Amino acid sequence: MNNENRSMPICFTPDQIKALEEYAKKKGMLNCNQAIEEIIESL
């Protein structure tokens, strides 16, 4: 994902962050930021 296209911060609850971390771990990603990028790109 191109950093220049990022223009809006996003906020998550602690439960949502935990779910993102679990998703990232299952997919072999290093952190939840990679999971967020993958989810956004799939939209």
C-alpha atoms as a PDB file:
ATOM      1  CA  MET A   1       0.000   0.000   0.000  1.00  0.00           C
ATOM      2  CA  ASN A   2       1.333   3.417  -0.940  1.00  0.00           C
ATOM      3  CA  ASN A   3       1.859   5.670   2.094  1.00  0.00           C
ATOM      4  CA  GLU A   4       0.950   8.748   0.040  1.00  0.00           C
ATOM      5  CA  ASN A   5      -2.626   7.450  -0.279  1.00  0.00           C
ATOM      6  CA  ARG A   6      -3.140   7.213   3.476  1.00  0.00           C
ATOM      7  CA  SER A   7      -5.076  10.203   4.686  1.00  0.00           C
ATOM      8  CA  MET A   8      -7.308   9.118   7.569  1.00  0.00           C
ATOM      9  CA  PRO A   9      -6.268   7.664  10.912  1.00  0.00           C
ATOM     10  CA  ILE A  10      -8.316   4.735  12.149  1.00  0.00           C
ATOM     11  CA  CYS A  11      -9.066   3.811  15.756  1.00  0.00           C
ATOM     12  CA  PHE A  12      -9.832   0.416  17.256  1.00  0.00           C
ATOM     13  CA  THR A  13     -11.087  -0.851  20.576  1.00  0.00           C
ATOM     14  CA  PRO A  14      -8.792  -3.163  22.559  1.00  0.00           C
ATOM     15  CA  ASP A  15     -10.955  -6.132  21.483  1.00  0.00           C
ATOM     16  CA  GLN A  16     -10.658  -5.159  17.822  1.00  0.00           C
ATOM     17  CA  ILE A  17      -6.881  -4.830  18.148  1.00  0.00           C
ATOM     18  CA  LYS A  18      -6.703  -8.300  19.696  1.00  0.00           C
ATOM     19  CA  ALA A  19      -8.770  -9.715  16.813  1.00  0.00           C
ATOM     20  CA  LEU A  20      -6.497  -7.998  14.281  1.00  0.00           C
ATOM     21  CA  GLU A  21      -3.395  -9.370  16.024  1.00  0.00           C
ATOM     22  CA  GLU A  22      -4.853 -12.885  15.977  1.00  0.00           C
ATOM     23  CA  TYR A  23      -5.731 -12.522  12.275  1.00  0.00           C
ATOM     24  CA  ALA A  24      -2.201 -11.310  11.517  1.00  0.00           C
ATOM     25  CA  LYS A  25      -0.649 -14.192  13.454  1.00  0.00           C
ATOM     26  CA  LYS A  26      -2.771 -16.768  11.595  1.00  0.00           C
ATOM     27  CA  LYS A  27      -1.725 -15.244   8.262  1.00  0.00           C
ATOM     28  CA  GLY A  28       1.981 -15.186   9.217  1.00  0.00           C
ATOM     29  CA  MET A  29       2.184 -11.401   9.321  1.00  0.00           C
ATOM     30  CA  LEU A  30       4.551  -9.488  11.577  1.00  0.00           C
ATOM     31  CA  ASN A  31       1.954  -7.163  13.108  1.00  0.00           C
ATOM     32  CA  CYS A  32      -1.624  -5.948  12.890  1.00  0.00           C
ATOM     33  CA  ASN A  33      -0.655  -3.097  10.534  1.00  0.00           C
ATOM     34  CA  GLN A  34      -0.031  -5.652   7.795  1.00  0.00           C
ATOM     35  CA  ALA A  35      -3.430  -7.203   8.491  1.00  0.00           C
ATOM     36  CA  ILE A  36      -5.117  -3.804   8.268  1.00  0.00           C
ATOM     37  CA  GLU A  37      -3.415  -3.099   4.934  1.00  0.00           C
ATOM     38  CA  GLU A  38      -4.477  -6.487   3.550  1.00  0.00           C
ATOM     39  CA  ILE A  39      -8.079  -5.964   4.650  1.00  0.00           C
ATOM     40  CA  ILE A  40      -8.235  -2.463   3.183  1.00  0.00           C
ATOM     41  CA  GLU A  41      -6.725  -3.608  -0.124  1.00  0.00           C
ATOM     42  CA  SER A  42      -9.334  -6.384  -0.372  1.00  0.00           C
ATOM     43  CA  LEU A  43     -12.213  -3.887  -0.219  1.00  0.00           C
END
